[in-house]
Amino acid sequence: MFEIINQVKFNKDGLVPAIAQCHETGEVLMMAWMNKDALTMTLETGRVTYYSRSRQELWEKGLTSGHTQALVSAHLDCDGDTILLMINQTGAACHTGERSCFFTPMLSPASKAEA
């Protein structure tokens, strides 16, 4: 049904990184892993599903927390080894309760200028 899946270059563990980005704001919300089944389910249902490496199982984002991700579009990068998911996020994307997983600053233009 989704021929594009055949172009995805999954790693040796059968996984591909997936970046979730807010469709409305462009904010990068999280990165997680997908296997072929998770990607297929996401494209078929429009509800973003990932693969949990720690639990070794599929998990639909928000199924237990209510912090869901609705797929708007999905894009494969030029190398075929990373997926960009444009989503509508309900609630927090991060398991810590933060809107985005990328809330810890490492370097900002101001701190770089001071160095």
PDB file of N, CA and C in Angstrom:
ATOM      1  N   MET A   1       0.817  -1.192   0.000  1.00  0.00           N
ATOM      2  CA  MET A   1       0.000   0.000   0.000  1.00  0.00           C
ATOM      3  C   MET A   1       0.868   1.266   0.000  1.00  0.00           C
ATOM      4  N   PHE A   2       1.882   1.311   0.850  1.00  0.00           N
ATOM      5  CA  PHE A   2       2.781   2.455   0.926  1.00  0.00           C
ATOM      6  C   PHE A   2       4.139   2.034   0.372  1.00  0.00           C
ATOM      7  N   GLU A   3       4.311   2.168  -0.925  1.00  0.00           N
ATOM      8  CA  GLU A   3       5.541   1.755  -1.600  1.00  0.00           C
ATOM      9  C   GLU A   3       6.764   2.492  -1.072  1.00  0.00           C
ATOM     10  N   ILE A   4       6.582   3.695  -0.573  1.00  0.00           N
ATOM     11  CA  ILE A   4       7.696   4.492  -0.071  1.00  0.00           C
ATOM     12  C   ILE A   4       8.434   3.784   1.059  1.00  0.00           C
ATOM     13  N   ILE A   5       7.745   2.936   1.803  1.00  0.00           N
ATOM     14  CA  ILE A   5       8.384   2.213   2.910  1.00  0.00           C
ATOM     15  C   ILE A   5       9.544   1.366   2.396  1.00  0.00           C
ATOM     16  N   ASN A   6       9.451   0.889   1.162  1.00  0.00           N
ATOM     17  CA  ASN A   6      10.539   0.095   0.585  1.00  0.00           C
ATOM     18  C   ASN A   6      11.799   0.914   0.356  1.00  0.00           C
ATOM     19  N   GLN A   7      11.692   2.233   0.378  1.00  0.00           N
ATOM     20  CA  GLN A   7      12.853   3.099   0.182  1.00  0.00           C
ATOM     21  C   GLN A   7      13.535   3.475   1.503  1.00  0.00           C
ATOM     22  N   VAL A   8      12.904   3.135   2.617  1.00  0.00           N
ATOM     23  CA  VAL A   8      13.472   3.466   3.923  1.00  0.00           C
ATOM     24  C   VAL A   8      14.650   2.545   4.207  1.00  0.00           C
ATOM     25  N   LYS A   9      15.754   3.155   4.645  1.00  0.00           N
ATOM     26  CA  LYS A   9      16.949   2.395   5.012  1.00  0.00           C
ATOM     27  C   LYS A   9      16.951   2.209   6.525  1.00  0.00           C
ATOM     28  N   PHE A  10      16.387   1.102   6.964  1.00  0.00           N
ATOM     29  CA  PHE A  10      16.370   0.766   8.387  1.00  0.00           C
ATOM     30  C   PHE A  10      17.779   0.328   8.794  1.00  0.00           C
ATOM     31  N   ASN A  11      18.168   0.601  10.041  1.00  0.00           N
ATOM     32  CA  ASN A  11      19.498   0.198  10.500  1.00  0.00           C
ATOM     33  C   ASN A  11      19.554  -1.313  10.749  1.00  0.00           C
ATOM     34  N   LYS A  12      20.688  -1.783  11.254  1.00  0.00           N
ATOM     35  CA  LYS A  12      20.878  -3.228  11.445  1.00  0.00           C
ATOM     36  C   LYS A  12      19.868  -3.832  12.416  1.00  0.00           C
ATOM     37  N   ASP A  13      19.278  -2.995  13.264  1.00  0.00           N
ATOM     38  CA  ASP A  13      18.258  -3.458  14.207  1.00  0.00           C
ATOM     39  C   ASP A  13      16.848  -3.334  13.645  1.00  0.00           C
ATOM     40  N   GLY A  14      16.758  -2.907  12.380  1.00  0.00           N
ATOM     41  CA  GLY A  14      15.446  -2.758  11.749  1.00  0.00           C
ATOM     42  C   GLY A  14      14.724  -1.485  12.139  1.00  0.00           C
ATOM     43  N   LEU A  15      15.488  -0.474  12.574  1.00  0.00           N
ATOM     44  CA  LEU A  15      14.895   0.775  13.062  1.00  0.00           C
ATOM     45  C   LEU A  15      15.361   1.969  12.236  1.00  0.00           C
ATOM     46  N   VAL A  16      14.568   3.021  12.284  1.00  0.00           N
ATOM     47  CA  VAL A  16      14.894   4.281  11.626  1.00  0.00           C
ATOM     48  C   VAL A  16      14.512   5.411  12.581  1.00  0.00           C
ATOM     49  N   PRO A  17      15.376   6.456  12.714  1.00  0.00           N
ATOM     50  CA  PRO A  17      14.993   7.577  13.569  1.00  0.00           C
ATOM     51  C   PRO A  17      13.850   8.375  12.951  1.00  0.00           C
ATOM     52  N   ALA A  18      12.952   8.834  13.814  1.00  0.00           N
ATOM     53  CA  ALA A  18      11.813   9.643  13.377  1.00  0.00           C
ATOM     54  C   ALA A  18      11.775  10.907  14.223  1.00  0.00           C
ATOM     55  N   ILE A  19      11.795  12.043  13.550  1.00  0.00           N
ATOM     56  CA  ILE A  19      11.723  13.340  14.212  1.00  0.00           C
ATOM     57  C   ILE A  19      10.275  13.816  14.151  1.00  0.00           C
ATOM     58  N   ALA A  20       9.719  14.161  15.303  1.00  0.00           N
ATOM     59  CA  ALA A  20       8.357  14.701  15.360  1.00  0.00           C
ATOM     60  C   ALA A  20       8.438  16.215  15.469  1.00  0.00           C
ATOM     61  N   GLN A  21       7.812  16.906  14.522  1.00  0.00           N
ATOM     62  CA  GLN A  21       7.832  18.364  14.457  1.00  0.00           C
ATOM     63  C   GLN A  21       6.406  18.884  14.427  1.00  0.00           C
ATOM     64  N   CYS A  22       6.153  19.939  15.201  1.00  0.00           N
ATOM     65  CA  CYS A  22       4.822  20.530  15.247  1.00  0.00           C
ATOM     66  C   CYS A  22       4.475  21.147  13.900  1.00  0.00           C
ATOM     67  N   HIS A  23       3.381  20.718  13.337  1.00  0.00           N
ATOM     68  CA  HIS A  23       2.926  21.200  12.034  1.00  0.00           C
ATOM     69  C   HIS A  23       2.648  22.704  12.049  1.00  0.00           C
ATOM     70  N   GLU A  24       2.092  23.211  13.145  1.00  0.00           N
ATOM     71  CA  GLU A  24       1.688  24.616  13.212  1.00  0.00           C
ATOM     72  C   GLU A  24       2.846  25.571  13.475  1.00  0.00           C
ATOM     73  N   THR A  25       3.774  25.186  14.363  1.00  0.00           N
ATOM     74  CA  THR A  25       4.826  26.117  14.790  1.00  0.00           C
ATOM     75  C   THR A  25       6.200  25.803  14.220  1.00  0.00           C
ATOM     76  N   GLY A  26       6.401  24.585  13.760  1.00  0.00           N
ATOM     77  CA  GLY A  26       7.722  24.174  13.286  1.00  0.00           C
ATOM     78  C   GLY A  26       8.635  23.711  14.407  1.00  0.00           C
ATOM     79  N   GLU A  27       8.160  23.753  15.642  1.00  0.00           N
ATOM     80  CA  GLU A  27       8.960  23.337  16.793  1.00  0.00           C
ATOM     81  C   GLU A  27       9.270  21.840  16.721  1.00  0.00           C
ATOM     82  N   VAL A  28      10.541  21.496  16.917  1.00  0.00           N
ATOM     83  CA  VAL A  28      10.924  20.091  16.976  1.00  0.00           C
ATOM     84  C   VAL A  28      10.565  19.585  18.366  1.00  0.00           C
ATOM     85  N   LEU A  29       9.762  18.540  18.419  1.00  0.00           N
ATOM     86  CA  LEU A  29       9.222  18.071  19.687  1.00  0.00           C
ATOM     87  C   LEU A  29       9.951  16.864  20.265  1.00  0.00           C
ATOM     88  N   MET A  30      10.301  15.927  19.423  1.00  0.00           N
ATOM     89  CA  MET A  30      10.950  14.718  19.938  1.00  0.00           C
ATOM     90  C   MET A  30      11.575  13.906  18.820  1.00  0.00           C
ATOM     91  N   MET A  31      12.399  12.961  19.215  1.00  0.00           N
ATOM     92  CA  MET A  31      12.961  11.968  18.306  1.00  0.00           C
ATOM     93  C   MET A  31      12.694  10.612  18.937  1.00  0.00           C
ATOM     94  N   ALA A  32      12.274   9.682  18.128  1.00  0.00           N
ATOM     95  CA  ALA A  32      12.057   8.314  18.605  1.00  0.00           C
ATOM     96  C   ALA A  32      12.359   7.371  17.444  1.00  0.00           C
ATOM     97  N   TRP A  33      12.245   6.107  17.690  1.00  0.00           N
ATOM     98  CA  TRP A  33      12.561   5.101  16.675  1.00  0.00           C
ATOM     99  C   TRP A  33      11.293   4.467  16.127  1.00  0.00           C
ATOM    100  N   MET A  34      11.348   4.075  14.874  1.00  0.00           N
ATOM    101  CA  MET A  34      10.262   3.339  14.234  1.00  0.00           C
ATOM    102  C   MET A  34      10.842   2.105  13.558  1.00  0.00           C
ATOM    103  N   ASN A  35      10.093   1.026  13.617  1.00  0.00           N
ATOM    104  CA  ASN A  35      10.410  -0.110  12.761  1.00  0.00           C
ATOM    105  C   ASN A  35       9.378  -0.113  11.629  1.00  0.00           C
ATOM    106  N   LYS A  36       9.447  -1.088  10.777  1.00  0.00           N
ATOM    107  CA  LYS A  36       8.546  -1.118   9.612  1.00  0.00           C
ATOM    108  C   LYS A  36       7.083  -1.159  10.040  1.00  0.00           C
ATOM    109  N   ASP A  37       6.775  -1.936  11.073  1.00  0.00           N
ATOM    110  CA  ASP A  37       5.392  -2.042  11.544  1.00  0.00           C
ATOM    111  C   ASP A  37       4.894  -0.708  12.105  1.00  0.00           C
ATOM    112  N   ALA A  38       5.740  -0.020  12.886  1.00  0.00           N
ATOM    113  CA  ALA A  38       5.344   1.268  13.463  1.00  0.00           C
ATOM    114  C   ALA A  38       5.090   2.295  12.362  1.00  0.00           C
ATOM    115  N   LEU A  39       5.965   2.308  11.367  1.00  0.00           N
ATOM    116  CA  LEU A  39       5.797   3.244  10.258  1.00  0.00           C
ATOM    117  C   LEU A  39       4.525   2.930   9.473  1.00  0.00           C
ATOM    118  N   THR A  40       4.292   1.670   9.207  1.00  0.00           N
ATOM    119  CA  THR A  40       3.094   1.258   8.478  1.00  0.00           C
ATOM    120  C   THR A  40       1.834   1.653   9.244  1.00  0.00           C
ATOM    121  N   MET A  41       1.812   1.362  10.550  1.00  0.00           N
ATOM    122  CA  MET A  41       0.644   1.699  11.369  1.00  0.00           C
ATOM    123  C   MET A  41       0.404   3.203  11.390  1.00  0.00           C
ATOM    124  N   THR A  42       1.484   3.975  11.492  1.00  0.00           N
ATOM    125  CA  THR A  42       1.367   5.436  11.508  1.00  0.00           C
ATOM    126  C   THR A  42       0.752   5.944  10.215  1.00  0.00           C
ATOM    127  N   LEU A  43       1.245   5.449   9.092  1.00  0.00           N
ATOM    128  CA  LEU A  43       0.729   5.885   7.795  1.00  0.00           C
ATOM    129  C   LEU A  43      -0.713   5.428   7.568  1.00  0.00           C
ATOM    130  N   GLU A  44      -1.046   4.254   8.058  1.00  0.00           N
ATOM    131  CA  GLU A  44      -2.406   3.724   7.877  1.00  0.00           C
ATOM    132  C   GLU A  44      -3.434   4.409   8.762  1.00  0.00           C
ATOM    133  N   THR A  45      -3.071   4.691  10.023  1.00  0.00           N
ATOM    134  CA  THR A  45      -4.058   5.187  10.992  1.00  0.00           C
ATOM    135  C   THR A  45      -4.015   6.695  11.199  1.00  0.00           C
ATOM    136  N   GLY A  46      -2.863   7.310  10.933  1.00  0.00           N
ATOM    137  CA  GLY A  46      -2.706   8.728  11.223  1.00  0.00           C
ATOM    138  C   GLY A  46      -2.402   9.006  12.682  1.00  0.00           C
ATOM    139  N   ARG A  47      -2.312   7.955  13.494  1.00  0.00           N
ATOM    140  CA  ARG A  47      -1.912   8.078  14.892  1.00  0.00           C
ATOM    141  C   ARG A  47      -0.463   7.600  14.976  1.00  0.00           C
ATOM    142  N   VAL A  48       0.421   8.475  15.464  1.00  0.00           N
ATOM    143  CA  VAL A  48       1.845   8.158  15.424  1.00  0.00           C
ATOM    144  C   VAL A  48       2.175   7.027  16.385  1.00  0.00           C
ATOM    145  N   THR A  49       2.850   6.023  15.837  1.00  0.00           N
ATOM    146  CA  THR A  49       3.263   4.844  16.580  1.00  0.00           C
ATOM    147  C   THR A  49       4.768   4.698  16.444  1.00  0.00           C
ATOM    148  N   TYR A  50       5.439   4.427  17.545  1.00  0.00           N
ATOM    149  CA  TYR A  50       6.890   4.255  17.571  1.00  0.00           C
ATOM    150  C   TYR A  50       7.238   2.842  18.025  1.00  0.00           C
ATOM    151  N   TYR A  51       8.543   2.558  18.020  1.00  0.00           N
ATOM    152  CA  TYR A  51       9.031   1.286  18.557  1.00  0.00           C
ATOM    153  C   TYR A  51       9.869   1.596  19.791  1.00  0.00           C
ATOM    154  N   SER A  52       9.505   1.011  20.906  1.00  0.00           N
ATOM    155  CA  SER A  52      10.247   1.202  22.146  1.00  0.00           C
ATOM    156  C   SER A  52      11.391   0.196  22.199  1.00  0.00           C
ATOM    157  N   ARG A  53      12.612   0.700  22.193  1.00  0.00           N
ATOM    158  CA  ARG A  53      13.775  -0.188  22.272  1.00  0.00           C
ATOM    159  C   ARG A  53      13.878  -0.823  23.646  1.00  0.00           C
ATOM    160  N   SER A  54      13.526  -0.093  24.705  1.00  0.00           N
ATOM    161  CA  SER A  54      13.638  -0.647  26.054  1.00  0.00           C
ATOM    162  C   SER A  54      12.595  -1.739  26.313  1.00  0.00           C
ATOM    163  N   ARG A  55      11.384  -1.535  25.808  1.00  0.00           N
ATOM    164  CA  ARG A  55      10.320  -2.534  26.019  1.00  0.00           C
ATOM    165  C   ARG A  55      10.234  -3.539  24.874  1.00  0.00           C
ATOM    166  N   GLN A  56      10.916  -3.221  23.777  1.00  0.00           N
ATOM    167  CA  GLN A  56      10.901  -4.070  22.588  1.00  0.00           C
ATOM    168  C   GLN A  56       9.474  -4.332  22.097  1.00  0.00           C
ATOM    169  N   GLU A  57       8.727  -3.216  21.983  1.00  0.00           N
ATOM    170  CA  GLU A  57       7.354  -3.317  21.502  1.00  0.00           C
ATOM    171  C   GLU A  57       6.913  -2.003  20.873  1.00  0.00           C
ATOM    172  N   LEU A  58       5.846  -2.070  20.101  1.00  0.00           N
ATOM    173  CA  LEU A  58       5.258  -0.880  19.507  1.00  0.00           C
ATOM    174  C   LEU A  58       4.541  -0.080  20.584  1.00  0.00           C
ATOM    175  N   TRP A  59       4.547   1.254  20.454  1.00  0.00           N
ATOM    176  CA  TRP A  59       3.753   2.086  21.359  1.00  0.00           C
ATOM    177  C   TRP A  59       3.166   3.257  20.601  1.00  0.00           C
ATOM    178  N   GLU A  60       1.863   3.347  20.696  1.00  0.00           N
ATOM    179  CA  GLU A  60       1.155   4.468  20.084  1.00  0.00           C
ATOM    180  C   GLU A  60       1.277   5.649  21.028  1.00  0.00           C
ATOM    181  N   LYS A  61       1.842   6.737  20.525  1.00  0.00           N
ATOM    182  CA  LYS A  61       2.072   7.915  21.366  1.00  0.00           C
ATOM    183  C   LYS A  61       0.762   8.411  21.958  1.00  0.00           C
ATOM    184  N   GLY A  62       0.730   8.493  23.284  1.00  0.00           N
ATOM    185  CA  GLY A  62      -0.422   9.030  23.980  1.00  0.00           C
ATOM    186  C   GLY A  62      -1.497   8.032  24.343  1.00  0.00           C
ATOM    187  N   LEU A  63      -1.307   6.773  24.005  1.00  0.00           N
ATOM    188  CA  LEU A  63      -2.342   5.783  24.287  1.00  0.00           C
ATOM    189  C   LEU A  63      -2.656   5.702  25.778  1.00  0.00           C
ATOM    190  N   THR A  64      -1.630   5.815  26.619  1.00  0.00           N
ATOM    191  CA  THR A  64      -1.871   5.779  28.061  1.00  0.00           C
ATOM    192  C   THR A  64      -1.863   7.168  28.688  1.00  0.00           C
ATOM    193  N   SER A  65      -1.059   8.101  28.151  1.00  0.00           N
ATOM    194  CA  SER A  65      -0.935   9.434  28.748  1.00  0.00           C
ATOM    195  C   SER A  65      -1.979  10.419  28.248  1.00  0.00           C
ATOM    196  N   GLY A  66      -2.531  10.164  27.071  1.00  0.00           N
ATOM    197  CA  GLY A  66      -3.448  11.116  26.457  1.00  0.00           C
ATOM    198  C   GLY A  66      -2.728  12.199  25.669  1.00  0.00           C
ATOM    199  N   HIS A  67      -1.400  12.188  25.678  1.00  0.00           N
ATOM    200  CA  HIS A  67      -0.590  13.167  24.954  1.00  0.00           C
ATOM    201  C   HIS A  67      -0.311  12.619  23.553  1.00  0.00           C
ATOM    202  N   THR A  68      -1.292  12.764  22.691  1.00  0.00           N
ATOM    203  CA  THR A  68      -1.283  12.101  21.389  1.00  0.00           C
ATOM    204  C   THR A  68      -0.592  12.915  20.303  1.00  0.00           C
ATOM    205  N   GLN A  69      -0.240  12.216  19.241  1.00  0.00           N
ATOM    206  CA  GLN A  69       0.316  12.835  18.051  1.00  0.00           C
ATOM    207  C   GLN A  69      -0.507  12.390  16.847  1.00  0.00           C
ATOM    208  N   ALA A  70      -1.108  13.374  16.170  1.00  0.00           N
ATOM    209  CA  ALA A  70      -1.870  13.096  14.955  1.00  0.00           C
ATOM    210  C   ALA A  70      -1.000  13.460  13.759  1.00  0.00           C
ATOM    211  N   LEU A  71      -0.818  12.536  12.866  1.00  0.00           N
ATOM    212  CA  LEU A  71       0.029  12.740  11.703  1.00  0.00           C
ATOM    213  C   LEU A  71      -0.620  13.685  10.705  1.00  0.00           C
ATOM    214  N   VAL A  72       0.130  14.696  10.280  1.00  0.00           N
ATOM    215  CA  VAL A  72      -0.297  15.597   9.215  1.00  0.00           C
ATOM    216  C   VAL A  72       0.379  15.168   7.918  1.00  0.00           C
ATOM    217  N   SER A  73       1.690  14.926   7.987  1.00  0.00           N
ATOM    218  CA  SER A  73       2.433  14.432   6.826  1.00  0.00           C
ATOM    219  C   SER A  73       3.708  13.755   7.299  1.00  0.00           C
ATOM    220  N   ALA A  74       4.263  12.938   6.438  1.00  0.00           N
ATOM    221  CA  ALA A  74       5.521  12.250   6.727  1.00  0.00           C
ATOM    222  C   ALA A  74       6.439  12.411   5.528  1.00  0.00           C
ATOM    223  N   HIS A  75       7.713  12.638   5.825  1.00  0.00           N
ATOM    224  CA  HIS A  75       8.701  12.847   4.772  1.00  0.00           C
ATOM    225  C   HIS A  75       9.926  11.995   5.039  1.00  0.00           C
ATOM    226  N   LEU A  76      10.500  11.453   3.981  1.00  0.00           N
ATOM    227  CA  LEU A  76      11.722  10.669   4.055  1.00  0.00           C
ATOM    228  C   LEU A  76      12.868  11.567   3.613  1.00  0.00           C
ATOM    229  N   ASP A  77      13.978  11.565   4.352  1.00  0.00           N
ATOM    230  CA  ASP A  77      15.089  12.440   3.973  1.00  0.00           C
ATOM    231  C   ASP A  77      15.798  11.918   2.726  1.00  0.00           C
ATOM    232  N   CYS A  78      16.719  12.732   2.212  1.00  0.00           N
ATOM    233  CA  CYS A  78      17.373  12.436   0.930  1.00  0.00           C
ATOM    234  C   CYS A  78      18.177  11.146   0.940  1.00  0.00           C
ATOM    235  N   ASP A  79      18.665  10.729   2.115  1.00  0.00           N
ATOM    236  CA  ASP A  79      19.422   9.483   2.215  1.00  0.00           C
ATOM    237  C   ASP A  79      18.529   8.277   2.503  1.00  0.00           C
ATOM    238  N   GLY A  80      17.276   8.533   2.835  1.00  0.00           N
ATOM    239  CA  GLY A  80      16.341   7.458   3.120  1.00  0.00           C
ATOM    240  C   GLY A  80      16.502   6.855   4.496  1.00  0.00           C
ATOM    241  N   ASP A  81      17.256   7.547   5.383  1.00  0.00           N
ATOM    242  CA  ASP A  81      17.528   6.944   6.681  1.00  0.00           C
ATOM    243  C   ASP A  81      17.002   7.736   7.880  1.00  0.00           C
ATOM    244  N   THR A  82      16.156   8.717   7.623  1.00  0.00           N
ATOM    245  CA  THR A  82      15.514   9.468   8.701  1.00  0.00           C
ATOM    246  C   THR A  82      14.132   9.917   8.227  1.00  0.00           C
ATOM    247  N   ILE A  83      13.171   9.856   9.145  1.00  0.00           N
ATOM    248  CA  ILE A  83      11.799  10.249   8.821  1.00  0.00           C
ATOM    249  C   ILE A  83      11.456  11.519   9.590  1.00  0.00           C
ATOM    250  N   LEU A  84      10.802  12.440   8.919  1.00  0.00           N
ATOM    251  CA  LEU A  84      10.288  13.653   9.547  1.00  0.00           C
ATOM    252  C   LEU A  84       8.775  13.545   9.579  1.00  0.00           C
ATOM    253  N   LEU A  85       8.223  13.596  10.777  1.00  0.00           N
ATOM    254  CA  LEU A  85       6.780  13.530  10.968  1.00  0.00           C
ATOM    255  C   LEU A  85       6.268  14.910  11.325  1.00  0.00           C
ATOM    256  N   MET A  86       5.419  15.464  10.494  1.00  0.00           N
ATOM    257  CA  MET A  86       4.750  16.722  10.815  1.00  0.00           C
ATOM    258  C   MET A  86       3.462  16.321  11.529  1.00  0.00           C
ATOM    259  N   ILE A  87       3.309  16.809  12.749  1.00  0.00           N
ATOM    260  CA  ILE A  87       2.219  16.321  13.599  1.00  0.00           C
ATOM    261  C   ILE A  87       1.448  17.454  14.260  1.00  0.00           C
ATOM    262  N   ASN A  88       0.280  17.100  14.758  1.00  0.00           N
ATOM    263  CA  ASN A  88      -0.468  17.934  15.698  1.00  0.00           C
ATOM    264  C   ASN A  88      -0.334  17.250  17.044  1.00  0.00           C
ATOM    265  N   GLN A  89       0.307  17.936  17.984  1.00  0.00           N
ATOM    266  CA  GLN A  89       0.574  17.390  19.312  1.00  0.00           C
ATOM    267  C   GLN A  89      -0.511  17.821  20.280  1.00  0.00           C
ATOM    268  N   THR A  90      -1.048  16.873  21.027  1.00  0.00           N
ATOM    269  CA  THR A  90      -1.964  17.159  22.121  1.00  0.00           C
ATOM    270  C   THR A  90      -1.226  16.882  23.414  1.00  0.00           C
ATOM    271  N   GLY A  91      -1.070  17.895  24.262  1.00  0.00           N
ATOM    272  CA  GLY A  91      -0.336  17.724  25.514  1.00  0.00           C
ATOM    273  C   GLY A  91       1.165  17.743  25.281  1.00  0.00           C
ATOM    274  N   ALA A  92       1.892  17.222  26.245  1.00  0.00           N
ATOM    275  CA  ALA A  92       3.354  17.207  26.201  1.00  0.00           C
ATOM    276  C   ALA A  92       3.857  16.123  25.256  1.00  0.00           C
ATOM    277  N   ALA A  93       4.932  16.423  24.557  1.00  0.00           N
ATOM    278  CA  ALA A  93       5.560  15.408  23.706  1.00  0.00           C
ATOM    279  C   ALA A  93       6.572  14.591  24.504  1.00  0.00           C
ATOM    280  N   CYS A  94       7.199  15.229  25.494  1.00  0.00           N
ATOM    281  CA  CYS A  94       8.251  14.577  26.263  1.00  0.00           C
ATOM    282  C   CYS A  94       7.672  13.795  27.446  1.00  0.00           C
ATOM    283  N   HIS A  95       8.290  12.664  27.748  1.00  0.00           N
ATOM    284  CA  HIS A  95       7.827  11.846  28.875  1.00  0.00           C
ATOM    285  C   HIS A  95       8.021  12.560  30.220  1.00  0.00           C
ATOM    286  N   THR A  96       8.823  13.650  30.243  1.00  0.00           N
ATOM    287  CA  THR A  96       9.032  14.414  31.474  1.00  0.00           C
ATOM    288  C   THR A  96       7.899  15.394  31.736  1.00  0.00           C
ATOM    289  N   GLY A  97       7.010  15.547  30.759  1.00  0.00           N
ATOM    290  CA  GLY A  97       5.912  16.492  30.880  1.00  0.00           C
ATOM    291  C   GLY A  97       6.170  17.808  30.167  1.00  0.00           C
ATOM    292  N   GLU A  98       7.376  17.971  29.609  1.00  0.00           N
ATOM    293  CA  GLU A  98       7.710  19.172  28.840  1.00  0.00           C
ATOM    294  C   GLU A  98       7.058  19.103  27.463  1.00  0.00           C
ATOM    295  N   ARG A  99       6.783  20.246  26.901  1.00  0.00           N
ATOM    296  CA  ARG A  99       6.194  20.316  25.549  1.00  0.00           C
ATOM    297  C   ARG A  99       7.095  19.624  24.532  1.00  0.00           C
ATOM    298  N   SER A 100       8.410  19.882  24.611  1.00  0.00           N
ATOM    299  CA  SER A 100       9.392  19.304  23.699  1.00  0.00           C
ATOM    300  C   SER A 100      10.454  18.578  24.505  1.00  0.00           C
ATOM    301  N   CYS A 101      11.036  17.561  23.918  1.00  0.00           N
ATOM    302  CA  CYS A 101      12.150  16.860  24.561  1.00  0.00           C
ATOM    303  C   CYS A 101      13.427  17.702  24.538  1.00  0.00           C
ATOM    304  N   PHE A 102      13.449  18.729  23.700  1.00  0.00           N
ATOM    305  CA  PHE A 102      14.649  19.536  23.518  1.00  0.00           C
ATOM    306  C   PHE A 102      14.574  20.826  24.329  1.00  0.00           C
ATOM    307  N   PHE A 103      14.538  20.678  25.663  1.00  0.00           N
ATOM    308  CA  PHE A 103      14.414  21.831  26.546  1.00  0.00           C
ATOM    309  C   PHE A 103      15.705  22.136  27.309  1.00  0.00           C
ATOM    310  N   THR A 104      16.734  21.328  27.146  1.00  0.00           N
ATOM    311  CA  THR A 104      17.995  21.533  27.853  1.00  0.00           C
ATOM    312  C   THR A 104      18.996  22.245  26.953  1.00  0.00           C
ATOM    313  N   PRO A 105      19.316  23.512  27.254  1.00  0.00           N
ATOM    314  CA  PRO A 105      20.247  24.248  26.398  1.00  0.00           C
ATOM    315  C   PRO A 105      21.678  23.735  26.557  1.00  0.00           C
ATOM    316  N   MET A 106      22.381  23.677  25.457  1.00  0.00           N
ATOM    317  CA  MET A 106      23.801  23.311  25.481  1.00  0.00           C
ATOM    318  C   MET A 106      24.666  24.512  25.135  1.00  0.00           C
ATOM    319  N   LEU A 107      24.236  25.258  24.120  1.00  0.00           N
ATOM    320  CA  LEU A 107      24.990  26.414  23.666  1.00  0.00           C
ATOM    321  C   LEU A 107      24.031  27.361  22.972  1.00  0.00           C
ATOM    322  N   SER A 108      24.096  28.592  23.350  1.00  0.00           N
ATOM    323  CA  SER A 108      23.280  29.600  22.686  1.00  0.00           C
ATOM    324  C   SER A 108      24.201  30.632  22.066  1.00  0.00           C
ATOM    325  N   PRO A 109      23.729  31.419  21.104  1.00  0.00           N
ATOM    326  CA  PRO A 109      24.581  32.454  20.500  1.00  0.00           C
ATOM    327  C   PRO A 109      25.192  33.380  21.553  1.00  0.00           C
ATOM    328  N   ALA A 110      24.454  33.715  22.606  1.00  0.00           N
ATOM    329  CA  ALA A 110      24.963  34.620  23.637  1.00  0.00           C
ATOM    330  C   ALA A 110      26.126  33.969  24.404  1.00  0.00           C
ATOM    331  N   SER A 111      25.996  32.702  24.773  1.00  0.00           N
ATOM    332  CA  SER A 111      27.062  32.045  25.525  1.00  0.00           C
ATOM    333  C   SER A 111      28.285  31.799  24.637  1.00  0.00           C
ATOM    334  N   LYS A 112      28.080  31.621  23.363  1.00  0.00           N
ATOM    335  CA  LYS A 112      29.196  31.432  22.423  1.00  0.00           C
ATOM    336  C   LYS A 112      30.005  32.725  22.305  1.00  0.00           C
ATOM    337  N   ALA A 113      29.324  33.863  22.287  1.00  0.00           N
ATOM    338  CA  ALA A 113      29.990  35.151  22.171  1.00  0.00           C
ATOM    339  C   ALA A 113      30.806  35.470  23.424  1.00  0.00           C
ATOM    340  N   GLU A 114      30.375  34.954  24.570  1.00  0.00           N
ATOM    341  CA  GLU A 114      31.081  35.195  25.823  1.00  0.00           C
ATOM    342  C   GLU A 114      32.322  34.342  25.971  1.00  0.00           C
ATOM    343  N   ALA A 115      32.405  33.256  25.228  1.00  0.00           N
ATOM    344  CA  ALA A 115      33.524  32.311  25.375  1.00  0.00           C
ATOM    345  C   ALA A 115      34.824  32.847  24.838  1.00  0.00           C
TER     346      ALA A 115
END
